[in-house]
PDB file of N, CA and C in Angstrom:
ATOM      1  N   MET A   1       0.850  -1.173   0.000  1.00  0.00           N
ATOM      2  CA  MET A   1       0.000   0.000   0.000  1.00  0.00           C
ATOM      3  C   MET A   1       0.894   1.234   0.000  1.00  0.00           C
ATOM      4  N   GLN A   2       0.542   2.211  -0.795  1.00  0.00           N
ATOM      5  CA  GLN A   2       1.307   3.444  -0.919  1.00  0.00           C
ATOM      6  C   GLN A   2       0.610   4.558  -0.133  1.00  0.00           C
ATOM      7  N   LEU A   3       1.289   5.090   0.873  1.00  0.00           N
ATOM      8  CA  LEU A   3       0.753   6.196   1.671  1.00  0.00           C
ATOM      9  C   LEU A   3       1.341   7.510   1.189  1.00  0.00           C
ATOM     10  N   GLN A   4       0.588   8.575   1.347  1.00  0.00           N
ATOM     11  CA  GLN A   4       1.054   9.924   1.021  1.00  0.00           C
ATOM     12  C   GLN A   4       1.459  10.608   2.315  1.00  0.00           C
ATOM     13  N   TRP A   5       2.750  10.578   2.648  1.00  0.00           N
ATOM     14  CA  TRP A   5       3.245  11.178   3.883  1.00  0.00           C
ATOM     15  C   TRP A   5       3.278  12.684   3.746  1.00  0.00           C
ATOM     16  N   SER A   6       2.778  13.368   4.750  1.00  0.00           N
ATOM     17  CA  SER A   6       2.682  14.826   4.719  1.00  0.00           C
ATOM     18  C   SER A   6       4.054  15.477   4.883  1.00  0.00           C
ATOM     19  N   LYS A   7       4.299  16.487   4.049  1.00  0.00           N
ATOM     20  CA  LYS A   7       5.508  17.292   4.126  1.00  0.00           C
ATOM     21  C   LYS A   7       5.101  18.762   4.049  1.00  0.00           C
ATOM     22  N   THR A   8       6.026  19.619   4.432  1.00  0.00           N
ATOM     23  CA  THR A   8       5.781  21.061   4.342  1.00  0.00           C
ATOM     24  C   THR A   8       5.725  21.475   2.870  1.00  0.00           C
ATOM     25  N   ILE A   9       5.306  22.690   2.627  1.00  0.00           N
ATOM     26  CA  ILE A   9       5.193  23.199   1.253  1.00  0.00           C
ATOM     27  C   ILE A   9       6.524  23.119   0.515  1.00  0.00           C
ATOM     28  N   ASP A  10       7.627  23.334   1.229  1.00  0.00           N
ATOM     29  CA  ASP A  10       8.940  23.294   0.581  1.00  0.00           C
ATOM     30  C   ASP A  10       9.524  21.880   0.493  1.00  0.00           C
ATOM     31  N   GLY A  11       8.744  20.868   0.867  1.00  0.00           N
ATOM     32  CA  GLY A  11       9.177  19.482   0.738  1.00  0.00           C
ATOM     33  C   GLY A  11       9.938  18.930   1.925  1.00  0.00           C
ATOM     34  N   GLY A  12      10.035  19.700   3.001  1.00  0.00           N
ATOM     35  CA  GLY A  12      10.711  19.232   4.209  1.00  0.00           C
ATOM     36  C   GLY A  12       9.741  18.536   5.147  1.00  0.00           C
ATOM     37  N   TRP A  13      10.289  18.021   6.225  1.00  0.00           N
ATOM     38  CA  TRP A  13       9.460  17.375   7.238  1.00  0.00           C
ATOM     39  C   TRP A  13       8.957  18.416   8.226  1.00  0.00           C
ATOM     40  N   TRP A  14       7.808  18.161   8.811  1.00  0.00           N
ATOM     41  CA  TRP A  14       7.196  19.068   9.782  1.00  0.00           C
ATOM     42  C   TRP A  14       7.959  19.025  11.106  1.00  0.00           C
ATOM     43  N   GLN A  15       8.224  20.196  11.667  1.00  0.00           N
ATOM     44  CA  GLN A  15       8.755  20.261  13.023  1.00  0.00           C
ATOM     45  C   GLN A  15       7.605  19.958  13.978  1.00  0.00           C
ATOM     46  N   PHE A  16       7.813  18.999  14.846  1.00  0.00           N
ATOM     47  CA  PHE A  16       6.765  18.515  15.744  1.00  0.00           C
ATOM     48  C   PHE A  16       6.102  19.658  16.518  1.00  0.00           C
ATOM     49  N   ALA A  17       6.887  20.547  17.082  1.00  0.00           N
ATOM     50  CA  ALA A  17       6.360  21.620  17.927  1.00  0.00           C
ATOM     51  C   ALA A  17       5.530  22.636  17.153  1.00  0.00           C
ATOM     52  N   ARG A  18       5.671  22.669  15.840  1.00  0.00           N
ATOM     53  CA  ARG A  18       4.943  23.664  15.028  1.00  0.00           C
ATOM     54  C   ARG A  18       3.652  23.131  14.417  1.00  0.00           C
ATOM     55  N   VAL A  19       3.380  21.861  14.617  1.00  0.00           N
ATOM     56  CA  VAL A  19       2.154  21.273  14.070  1.00  0.00           C
ATOM     57  C   VAL A  19       1.062  21.351  15.124  1.00  0.00           C
ATOM     58  N   GLU A  20      -0.061  21.928  14.746  1.00  0.00           N
ATOM     59  CA  GLU A  20      -1.223  21.988  15.628  1.00  0.00           C
ATOM     60  C   GLU A  20      -2.140  20.806  15.293  1.00  0.00           C
ATOM     61  N   PRO A  21      -2.715  20.186  16.309  1.00  0.00           N
ATOM     62  CA  PRO A  21      -3.611  19.051  16.048  1.00  0.00           C
ATOM     63  C   PRO A  21      -4.719  19.380  15.049  1.00  0.00           C
ATOM     64  N   SER A  22      -5.166  20.630  15.020  1.00  0.00           N
ATOM     65  CA  SER A  22      -6.245  21.010  14.102  1.00  0.00           C
ATOM     66  C   SER A  22      -5.829  20.897  12.635  1.00  0.00           C
ATOM     67  N   GLN A  23      -4.524  20.789  12.350  1.00  0.00           N
ATOM     68  CA  GLN A  23      -4.045  20.618  10.977  1.00  0.00           C
ATOM     69  C   GLN A  23      -4.344  19.214  10.452  1.00  0.00           C
ATOM     70  N   LEU A  24      -4.558  18.275  11.356  1.00  0.00           N
ATOM     71  CA  LEU A  24      -4.736  16.882  10.977  1.00  0.00           C
ATOM     72  C   LEU A  24      -6.222  16.535  10.995  1.00  0.00           C
ATOM     73  N   ASP A  25      -6.639  15.736  10.033  1.00  0.00           N
ATOM     74  CA  ASP A  25      -8.042  15.369   9.961  1.00  0.00           C
ATOM     75  C   ASP A  25      -8.155  13.927   9.480  1.00  0.00           C
ATOM     76  N   GLY A  26      -9.205  13.278   9.884  1.00  0.00           N
ATOM     77  CA  GLY A  26      -9.468  11.915   9.453  1.00  0.00           C
ATOM     78  C   GLY A  26      -8.646  10.900  10.217  1.00  0.00           C
ATOM     79  N   TYR A  27      -8.700   9.670   9.743  1.00  0.00           N
ATOM     80  CA  TYR A  27      -7.963   8.568  10.354  1.00  0.00           C
ATOM     81  C   TYR A  27      -6.657   8.351   9.621  1.00  0.00           C
ATOM     82  N   GLY A  28      -5.661   7.862  10.359  1.00  0.00           N
ATOM     83  CA  GLY A  28      -4.381   7.608   9.721  1.00  0.00           C
ATOM     84  C   GLY A  28      -3.321   7.202  10.704  1.00  0.00           C
ATOM     85  N   VAL A  29      -2.080   7.345  10.268  1.00  0.00           N
ATOM     86  CA  VAL A  29      -0.907   6.998  11.064  1.00  0.00           C
ATOM     87  C   VAL A  29       0.047   8.179  11.074  1.00  0.00           C
ATOM     88  N   PHE A  30       0.884   8.250  12.121  1.00  0.00           N
ATOM     89  CA  PHE A  30       1.913   9.289  12.151  1.00  0.00           C
ATOM     90  C   PHE A  30       3.164   8.751  12.824  1.00  0.00           C
ATOM     91  N   VAL A  31       4.285   9.389  12.496  1.00  0.00           N
ATOM     92  CA  VAL A  31       5.584   8.976  13.005  1.00  0.00           C
ATOM     93  C   VAL A  31       6.285  10.205  13.565  1.00  0.00           C
ATOM     94  N   VAL A  32       6.841  10.064  14.780  1.00  0.00           N
ATOM     95  CA  VAL A  32       7.606  11.131  15.424  1.00  0.00           C
ATOM     96  C   VAL A  32       9.046  10.652  15.550  1.00  0.00           C
ATOM     97  N   TRP A  33      10.002  11.481  15.150  1.00  0.00           N
ATOM     98  CA  TRP A  33      11.405  11.098  15.231  1.00  0.00           C
ATOM     99  C   TRP A  33      12.293  12.300  15.532  1.00  0.00           C
ATOM    100  N   ARG A  34      13.532  11.985  15.878  1.00  0.00           N
ATOM    101  CA  ARG A  34      14.572  12.999  16.076  1.00  0.00           C
ATOM    102  C   ARG A  34      15.678  12.695  15.086  1.00  0.00           C
ATOM    103  N   ASN A  35      16.089  13.712  14.329  1.00  0.00           N
ATOM    104  CA  ASN A  35      17.208  13.545  13.404  1.00  0.00           C
ATOM    105  C   ASN A  35      18.497  13.386  14.196  1.00  0.00           C
ATOM    106  N   GLY A  36      19.465  12.796  13.588  1.00  0.00           N
ATOM    107  CA  GLY A  36      20.759  12.634  14.239  1.00  0.00           C
ATOM    108  C   GLY A  36      21.699  13.790  13.929  1.00  0.00           C
ATOM    109  N   ASP A  37      22.749  13.872  14.720  1.00  0.00           N
ATOM    110  CA  ASP A  37      23.838  14.816  14.481  1.00  0.00           C
ATOM    111  C   ASP A  37      25.111  14.205  15.053  1.00  0.00           C
ATOM    112  N   ALA A  38      26.144  14.998  15.215  1.00  0.00           N
ATOM    113  CA  ALA A  38      27.412  14.464  15.708  1.00  0.00           C
ATOM    114  C   ALA A  38      27.299  13.889  17.118  1.00  0.00           C
ATOM    115  N   ALA A  39      26.355  14.426  17.912  1.00  0.00           N
ATOM    116  CA  ALA A  39      26.242  13.989  19.306  1.00  0.00           C
ATOM    117  C   ALA A  39      25.160  12.934  19.541  1.00  0.00           C
ATOM    118  N   LYS A  40      24.168  12.867  18.660  1.00  0.00           N
ATOM    119  CA  LYS A  40      23.033  11.973  18.884  1.00  0.00           C
ATOM    120  C   LYS A  40      22.727  11.182  17.610  1.00  0.00           C
ATOM    121  N   ALA A  41      22.371   9.932  17.788  1.00  0.00           N
ATOM    122  CA  ALA A  41      21.953   9.104  16.662  1.00  0.00           C
ATOM    123  C   ALA A  41      20.497   9.415  16.314  1.00  0.00           C
ATOM    124  N   PRO A  42      20.121   9.297  15.041  1.00  0.00           N
ATOM    125  CA  PRO A  42      18.709   9.480  14.702  1.00  0.00           C
ATOM    126  C   PRO A  42      17.889   8.359  15.331  1.00  0.00           C
ATOM    127  N   VAL A  43      16.653   8.678  15.715  1.00  0.00           N
ATOM    128  CA  VAL A  43      15.834   7.666  16.368  1.00  0.00           C
ATOM    129  C   VAL A  43      14.349   7.959  16.138  1.00  0.00           C
ATOM    130  N   VAL A  44      13.599   6.903  15.861  1.00  0.00           N
ATOM    131  CA  VAL A  44      12.143   7.010  15.792  1.00  0.00           C
ATOM    132  C   VAL A  44      11.628   6.860  17.218  1.00  0.00           C
ATOM    133  N   LEU A  45      10.842   7.845  17.653  1.00  0.00           N
ATOM    134  CA  LEU A  45      10.344   7.846  19.022  1.00  0.00           C
ATOM    135  C   LEU A  45       8.989   7.176  19.158  1.00  0.00           C
ATOM    136  N   TYR A  46       8.113   7.380  18.165  1.00  0.00           N
ATOM    137  CA  TYR A  46       6.731   6.933  18.348  1.00  0.00           C
ATOM    138  C   TYR A  46       6.043   6.731  17.011  1.00  0.00           C
ATOM    139  N   VAL A  47       5.211   5.720  16.935  1.00  0.00           N
ATOM    140  CA  VAL A  47       4.310   5.488  15.802  1.00  0.00           C
ATOM    141  C   VAL A  47       2.901   5.529  16.363  1.00  0.00           C
ATOM    142  N   GLY A  48       2.097   6.458  15.869  1.00  0.00           N
ATOM    143  CA  GLY A  48       0.721   6.589  16.341  1.00  0.00           C
ATOM    144  C   GLY A  48      -0.271   6.243  15.246  1.00  0.00           C
ATOM    145  N   ARG A  49      -1.487   5.952  15.667  1.00  0.00           N
ATOM    146  CA  ARG A  49      -2.544   5.614  14.703  1.00  0.00           C
ATOM    147  C   ARG A  49      -3.893   5.923  15.327  1.00  0.00           C
ATOM    148  N   GLY A  50      -4.887   6.156  14.481  1.00  0.00           N
ATOM    149  CA  GLY A  50      -6.237   6.437  14.958  1.00  0.00           C
ATOM    150  C   GLY A  50      -6.771   7.693  14.323  1.00  0.00           C
ATOM    151  N   PHE A  51      -7.690   8.355  15.044  1.00  0.00           N
ATOM    152  CA  PHE A  51      -8.209   9.641  14.562  1.00  0.00           C
ATOM    153  C   PHE A  51      -7.084  10.641  14.761  1.00  0.00           C
ATOM    154  N   LEU A  52      -6.495  11.110  13.684  1.00  0.00           N
ATOM    155  CA  LEU A  52      -5.243  11.848  13.727  1.00  0.00           C
ATOM    156  C   LEU A  52      -5.255  13.044  14.672  1.00  0.00           C
ATOM    157  N   ARG A  53      -6.292  13.849  14.610  1.00  0.00           N
ATOM    158  CA  ARG A  53      -6.343  15.055  15.456  1.00  0.00           C
ATOM    159  C   ARG A  53      -6.255  14.689  16.935  1.00  0.00           C
ATOM    160  N   ASP A  54      -7.036  13.722  17.362  1.00  0.00           N
ATOM    161  CA  ASP A  54      -7.066  13.337  18.775  1.00  0.00           C
ATOM    162  C   ASP A  54      -5.781  12.644  19.214  1.00  0.00           C
ATOM    163  N   GLU A  55      -5.283  11.722  18.402  1.00  0.00           N
ATOM    164  CA  GLU A  55      -4.079  10.979  18.767  1.00  0.00           C
ATOM    165  C   GLU A  55      -2.854  11.890  18.791  1.00  0.00           C
ATOM    166  N   PHE A  56      -2.771  12.812  17.835  1.00  0.00           N
ATOM    167  CA  PHE A  56      -1.639  13.730  17.831  1.00  0.00           C
ATOM    168  C   PHE A  56      -1.728  14.689  19.021  1.00  0.00           C
ATOM    169  N   ALA A  57      -2.921  15.162  19.343  1.00  0.00           N
ATOM    170  CA  ALA A  57      -3.095  16.045  20.506  1.00  0.00           C
ATOM    171  C   ALA A  57      -2.674  15.330  21.784  1.00  0.00           C
ATOM    172  N   ARG A  58      -3.044  14.078  21.935  1.00  0.00           N
ATOM    173  CA  ARG A  58      -2.657  13.296  23.107  1.00  0.00           C
ATOM    174  C   ARG A  58      -1.137  13.159  23.170  1.00  0.00           C
ATOM    175  N   THR A  59      -0.513  12.908  22.050  1.00  0.00           N
ATOM    176  CA  THR A  59       0.940  12.767  22.004  1.00  0.00           C
ATOM    177  C   THR A  59       1.616  14.081  22.388  1.00  0.00           C
ATOM    178  N   ARG A  60       1.104  15.194  21.900  1.00  0.00           N
ATOM    179  CA  ARG A  60       1.719  16.501  22.213  1.00  0.00           C
ATOM    180  C   ARG A  60       1.648  16.826  23.695  1.00  0.00           C
ATOM    181  N   ARG A  61       0.652  16.316  24.389  1.00  0.00           N
ATOM    182  CA  ARG A  61       0.531  16.583  25.833  1.00  0.00           C
ATOM    183  C   ARG A  61       1.530  15.786  26.665  1.00  0.00           C
ATOM    184  N   ASP A  62       2.078  14.731  26.117  1.00  0.00           N
ATOM    185  CA  ASP A  62       2.995  13.874  26.866  1.00  0.00           C
ATOM    186  C   ASP A  62       4.351  14.568  27.015  1.00  0.00           C
ATOM    187  N   PRO A  63       4.850  14.701  28.238  1.00  0.00           N
ATOM    188  CA  PRO A  63       6.133  15.374  28.460  1.00  0.00           C
ATOM    189  C   PRO A  63       7.316  14.754  27.718  1.00  0.00           C
ATOM    190  N   ILE A  64       7.214  13.488  27.376  1.00  0.00           N
ATOM    191  CA  ILE A  64       8.290  12.824  26.634  1.00  0.00           C
ATOM    192  C   ILE A  64       8.577  13.549  25.322  1.00  0.00           C
ATOM    193  N   PHE A  65       7.562  14.153  24.743  1.00  0.00           N
ATOM    194  CA  PHE A  65       7.703  14.777  23.428  1.00  0.00           C
ATOM    195  C   PHE A  65       7.907  16.288  23.502  1.00  0.00           C
ATOM    196  N   HIS A  66       8.350  16.787  24.637  1.00  0.00           N
ATOM    197  CA  HIS A  66       8.587  18.224  24.791  1.00  0.00           C
ATOM    198  C   HIS A  66      10.041  18.607  24.540  1.00  0.00           C
ATOM    199  N   MET A  67      10.823  17.736  23.952  1.00  0.00           N
ATOM    200  CA  MET A  67      12.218  18.052  23.655  1.00  0.00           C
ATOM    201  C   MET A  67      12.329  18.759  22.306  1.00  0.00           C
ATOM    202  N   GLU A  68      13.414  19.454  22.117  1.00  0.00           N
ATOM    203  CA  GLU A  68      13.671  20.169  20.864  1.00  0.00           C
ATOM    204  C   GLU A  68      14.107  19.199  19.766  1.00  0.00           C
ATOM    205  N   GLY A  69      13.911  19.609  18.534  1.00  0.00           N
ATOM    206  CA  GLY A  69      14.448  18.866  17.399  1.00  0.00           C
ATOM    207  C   GLY A  69      13.656  17.662  16.949  1.00  0.00           C
ATOM    208  N   LEU A  70      12.369  17.607  17.300  1.00  0.00           N
ATOM    209  CA  LEU A  70      11.540  16.483  16.859  1.00  0.00           C
ATOM    210  C   LEU A  70      10.835  16.827  15.559  1.00  0.00           C
ATOM    211  N   TYR A  71      10.591  15.804  14.771  1.00  0.00           N
ATOM    212  CA  TYR A  71       9.874  15.943  13.505  1.00  0.00           C
ATOM    213  C   TYR A  71       8.703  14.970  13.487  1.00  0.00           C
ATOM    214  N   VAL A  72       7.739  15.273  12.620  1.00  0.00           N
ATOM    215  CA  VAL A  72       6.564  14.411  12.502  1.00  0.00           C
ATOM    216  C   VAL A  72       6.080  14.423  11.056  1.00  0.00           C
ATOM    217  N   THR A  73       5.501  13.330  10.666  1.00  0.00           N
ATOM    218  CA  THR A  73       4.768  13.247   9.412  1.00  0.00           C
ATOM    219  C   THR A  73       3.580  12.332   9.640  1.00  0.00           C
ATOM    220  N   TRP A  74       2.580  12.461   8.804  1.00  0.00           N
ATOM    221  CA  TRP A  74       1.374  11.658   8.942  1.00  0.00           C
ATOM    222  C   TRP A  74       0.828  11.328   7.568  1.00  0.00           C
ATOM    223  N   ALA A  75       0.003  10.310   7.537  1.00  0.00           N
ATOM    224  CA  ALA A  75      -0.646   9.884   6.299  1.00  0.00           C
ATOM    225  C   ALA A  75      -2.071   9.465   6.627  1.00  0.00           C
ATOM    226  N   SER A  76      -2.998   9.916   5.832  1.00  0.00           N
ATOM    227  CA  SER A  76      -4.393   9.518   5.998  1.00  0.00           C
ATOM    228  C   SER A  76      -4.581   8.099   5.483  1.00  0.00           C
ATOM    229  N   VAL A  77      -5.488   7.383   6.127  1.00  0.00           N
ATOM    230  CA  VAL A  77      -5.838   6.022   5.712  1.00  0.00           C
ATOM    231  C   VAL A  77      -7.354   5.995   5.590  1.00  0.00           C
ATOM    232  N   SER A  78      -7.837   5.749   4.383  1.00  0.00           N
ATOM    233  CA  SER A  78      -9.280   5.846   4.140  1.00  0.00           C
ATOM    234  C   SER A  78     -10.083   4.745   4.835  1.00  0.00           C
ATOM    235  N   ASP A  79      -9.505   3.581   5.005  1.00  0.00           N
ATOM    236  CA  ASP A  79     -10.204   2.466   5.651  1.00  0.00           C
ATOM    237  C   ASP A  79      -9.611   2.256   7.045  1.00  0.00           C
ATOM    238  N   MET A  80     -10.319   2.734   8.061  1.00  0.00           N
ATOM    239  CA  MET A  80      -9.775   2.683   9.416  1.00  0.00           C
ATOM    240  C   MET A  80      -9.544   1.253   9.907  1.00  0.00           C
ATOM    241  N   ARG A  81     -10.151   0.257   9.258  1.00  0.00           N
ATOM    242  CA  ARG A  81      -9.916  -1.139   9.639  1.00  0.00           C
ATOM    243  C   ARG A  81      -8.487  -1.572   9.340  1.00  0.00           C
ATOM    244  N   MET A  82      -7.771  -0.810   8.523  1.00  0.00           N
ATOM    245  CA  MET A  82      -6.397  -1.142   8.161  1.00  0.00           C
ATOM    246  C   MET A  82      -5.369  -0.504   9.097  1.00  0.00           C
ATOM    247  N   LEU A  83      -5.806   0.352  10.013  1.00  0.00           N
ATOM    248  CA  LEU A  83      -4.876   1.094  10.868  1.00  0.00           C
ATOM    249  C   LEU A  83      -3.970   0.190  11.703  1.00  0.00           C
ATOM    250  N   ASP A  84      -4.529  -0.833  12.319  1.00  0.00           N
ATOM    251  CA  ASP A  84      -3.715  -1.705  13.162  1.00  0.00           C
ATOM    252  C   ASP A  84      -2.679  -2.460  12.330  1.00  0.00           C
ATOM    253  N   SER A  85      -3.059  -2.920  11.157  1.00  0.00           N
ATOM    254  CA  SER A  85      -2.124  -3.653  10.307  1.00  0.00           C
ATOM    255  C   SER A  85      -1.009  -2.751   9.786  1.00  0.00           C
ATOM    256  N   ILE A  86      -1.353  -1.530   9.413  1.00  0.00           N
ATOM    257  CA  ILE A  86      -0.331  -0.566   8.975  1.00  0.00           C
ATOM    258  C   ILE A  86       0.554  -0.199  10.159  1.00  0.00           C
ATOM    259  N   GLY A  87      -0.064   0.050  11.307  1.00  0.00           N
ATOM    260  CA  GLY A  87       0.697   0.367  12.503  1.00  0.00           C
ATOM    261  C   GLY A  87       1.650  -0.753  12.886  1.00  0.00           C
ATOM    262  N   ALA A  88       1.201  -2.000  12.759  1.00  0.00           N
ATOM    263  CA  ALA A  88       2.056  -3.147  13.072  1.00  0.00           C
ATOM    264  C   ALA A  88       3.282  -3.176  12.161  1.00  0.00           C
ATOM    265  N   PHE A  89       3.075  -2.896  10.889  1.00  0.00           N
ATOM    266  CA  PHE A  89       4.202  -2.867   9.945  1.00  0.00           C
ATOM    267  C   PHE A  89       5.170  -1.737  10.289  1.00  0.00           C
ATOM    268  N   LEU A  90       4.641  -0.540  10.519  1.00  0.00           N
ATOM    269  CA  LEU A  90       5.506   0.598  10.848  1.00  0.00           C
ATOM    270  C   LEU A  90       6.276   0.348  12.139  1.00  0.00           C
ATOM    271  N   TYR A  91       5.614  -0.225  13.115  1.00  0.00           N
ATOM    272  CA  TYR A  91       6.277  -0.518  14.389  1.00  0.00           C
ATOM    273  C   TYR A  91       7.409  -1.521  14.179  1.00  0.00           C
ATOM    274  N   ARG A  92       7.140  -2.545  13.392  1.00  0.00           N
ATOM    275  CA  ARG A  92       8.155  -3.573  13.140  1.00  0.00           C
ATOM    276  C   ARG A  92       9.347  -3.015  12.365  1.00  0.00           C
ATOM    277  N   GLU A  93       9.084  -2.167  11.389  1.00  0.00           N
ATOM    278  CA  GLU A  93      10.153  -1.645  10.537  1.00  0.00           C
ATOM    279  C   GLU A  93      10.925  -0.487  11.174  1.00  0.00           C
ATOM    280  N   LEU A  94      10.223   0.393  11.878  1.00  0.00           N
ATOM    281  CA  LEU A  94      10.850   1.608  12.407  1.00  0.00           C
ATOM    282  C   LEU A  94      11.346   1.463  13.840  1.00  0.00           C
ATOM    283  N   ARG A  95      10.851   0.488  14.560  1.00  0.00           N
ATOM    284  CA  ARG A  95      11.265   0.191  15.937  1.00  0.00           C
ATOM    285  C   ARG A  95      11.300   1.432  16.833  1.00  0.00           C
ATOM    286  N   PRO A  96      10.140   2.046  17.052  1.00  0.00           N
ATOM    287  CA  PRO A  96      10.111   3.237  17.908  1.00  0.00           C
ATOM    288  C   PRO A  96      10.459   2.908  19.357  1.00  0.00           C
ATOM    289  N   ILE A  97      10.972   3.905  20.052  1.00  0.00           N
ATOM    290  CA  ILE A  97      11.351   3.735  21.458  1.00  0.00           C
ATOM    291  C   ILE A  97      10.125   3.579  22.347  1.00  0.00           C
ATOM    292  N   TRP A  98       9.064   4.357  22.069  1.00  0.00           N
ATOM    293  CA  TRP A  98       7.847   4.305  22.879  1.00  0.00           C
ATOM    294  C   TRP A  98       6.681   3.828  22.038  1.00  0.00           C
ATOM    295  N   GLY A  99       5.663   3.358  22.720  1.00  0.00           N
ATOM    296  CA  GLY A  99       4.444   2.938  22.051  1.00  0.00           C
ATOM    297  C   GLY A  99       4.157   1.487  22.318  1.00  0.00           C
ATOM    298  N   GLU A 100       3.018   1.079  21.847  1.00  0.00           N
ATOM    299  CA  GLU A 100       2.582  -0.289  22.079  1.00  0.00           C
ATOM    300  C   GLU A 100       2.883  -1.163  20.875  1.00  0.00           C
ATOM    301  N   VAL A 101       3.333  -2.363  21.151  1.00  0.00           N
ATOM    302  CA  VAL A 101       3.521  -3.346  20.088  1.00  0.00           C
ATOM    303  C   VAL A 101       2.137  -3.803  19.658  1.00  0.00           C
ATOM    304  N   ILE A 102       1.894  -3.789  18.373  1.00  0.00           N
ATOM    305  CA  ILE A 102       0.592  -4.182  17.851  1.00  0.00           C
ATOM    306  C   ILE A 102       0.687  -5.651  17.444  1.00  0.00           C
ATOM    307  N   ALA A 103       0.118  -6.484  18.247  1.00  0.00           N
ATOM    308  CA  ALA A 103       0.177  -7.925  17.999  1.00  0.00           C
ATOM    309  C   ALA A 103      -1.184  -8.413  17.515  1.00  0.00           C
ATOM    310  N   MET A 104      -1.202  -9.624  17.111  1.00  0.00           N
ATOM    311  CA  MET A 104      -2.448 -10.307  16.752  1.00  0.00           C
ATOM    312  C   MET A 104      -3.085  -9.791  15.463  1.00  0.00           C
ATOM    313  N   VAL A 105      -2.367  -9.012  14.670  1.00  0.00           N
ATOM    314  CA  VAL A 105      -2.865  -8.609  13.360  1.00  0.00           C
ATOM    315  C   VAL A 105      -1.730  -8.799  12.356  1.00  0.00           C
ATOM    316  N   PRO A 106      -2.073  -9.155  11.130  1.00  0.00           N
ATOM    317  CA  PRO A 106      -1.015  -9.262  10.121  1.00  0.00           C
ATOM    318  C   PRO A 106      -0.520  -7.866   9.739  1.00  0.00           C
ATOM    319  N   ALA A 107       0.790  -7.714   9.578  1.00  0.00           N
ATOM    320  CA  ALA A 107       1.366  -6.437   9.195  1.00  0.00           C
ATOM    321  C   ALA A 107       1.071  -6.180   7.708  1.00  0.00           C
ATOM    322  N   LEU A 108       0.648  -4.975   7.400  1.00  0.00           N
ATOM    323  CA  LEU A 108       0.365  -4.569   6.019  1.00  0.00           C
ATOM    324  C   LEU A 108       1.487  -3.657   5.547  1.00  0.00           C
ATOM    325  N   PRO A 109       2.331  -4.104   4.615  1.00  0.00           N
ATOM    326  CA  PRO A 109       3.452  -3.285   4.150  1.00  0.00           C
ATOM    327  C   PRO A 109       2.992  -1.987   3.488  1.00  0.00           C
ATOM    328  N   VAL A 110       3.686  -0.918   3.840  1.00  0.00           N
ATOM    329  CA  VAL A 110       3.465   0.406   3.255  1.00  0.00           C
ATOM    330  C   VAL A 110       4.832   1.033   2.990  1.00  0.00           C
ATOM    331  N   ASN A 111       4.852   2.099   2.211  1.00  0.00           N
ATOM    332  CA  ASN A 111       6.092   2.833   2.023  1.00  0.00           C
ATOM    333  C   ASN A 111       6.430   3.572   3.319  1.00  0.00           C
ATOM    334  N   LEU A 112       7.691   3.564   3.667  1.00  0.00           N
ATOM    335  CA  LEU A 112       8.125   4.193   4.908  1.00  0.00           C
ATOM    336  C   LEU A 112       8.273   5.706   4.716  1.00  0.00           C
ATOM    337  N   PRO A 113       7.970   6.478   5.748  1.00  0.00           N
ATOM    338  CA  PRO A 113       7.991   7.935   5.588  1.00  0.00           C
ATOM    339  C   PRO A 113       9.372   8.512   5.307  1.00  0.00           C
ATOM    340  N   LEU A 114      10.404   8.013   5.933  1.00  0.00           N
ATOM    341  CA  LEU A 114      11.710   8.637   5.764  1.00  0.00           C
ATOM    342  C   LEU A 114      12.352   8.326   4.431  1.00  0.00           C
ATOM    343  N   THR A 115      11.706   7.471   3.638  1.00  0.00           N
ATOM    344  CA  THR A 115      12.189   7.190   2.283  1.00  0.00           C
ATOM    345  C   THR A 115      11.294   7.850   1.250  1.00  0.00           C
ATOM    346  N   ALA A 116      10.254   8.564   1.723  1.00  0.00           N
ATOM    347  CA  ALA A 116       9.281   9.187   0.802  1.00  0.00           C
ATOM    348  C   ALA A 116       9.832  10.457   0.185  1.00  0.00           C
TER     349      ALA A 116
END
């Protein structure tokens, strides 16, 4: 399945702190990460899924995500029944530090956001 990962108008990734939950609509998945530099390795922090506005708002309230230098992207999924399977694939491939392992559903392969 091919997802359309959201990027800024200039083709860059969204800075996590600058995205308001009201920008997101519908059901889908999102990925939060920190880019690497000389002092820190790049790392995927979280893979979220569900009603995007609500799930992203919940994530923004968590103190874990109040650090500088985080990025986010999201993709709408028209059939919400596929969210767990897409989430399972993203979790398996991206290995986020936080979040729940999605078990008991077959993983549905999608294009990964950082290669989009």
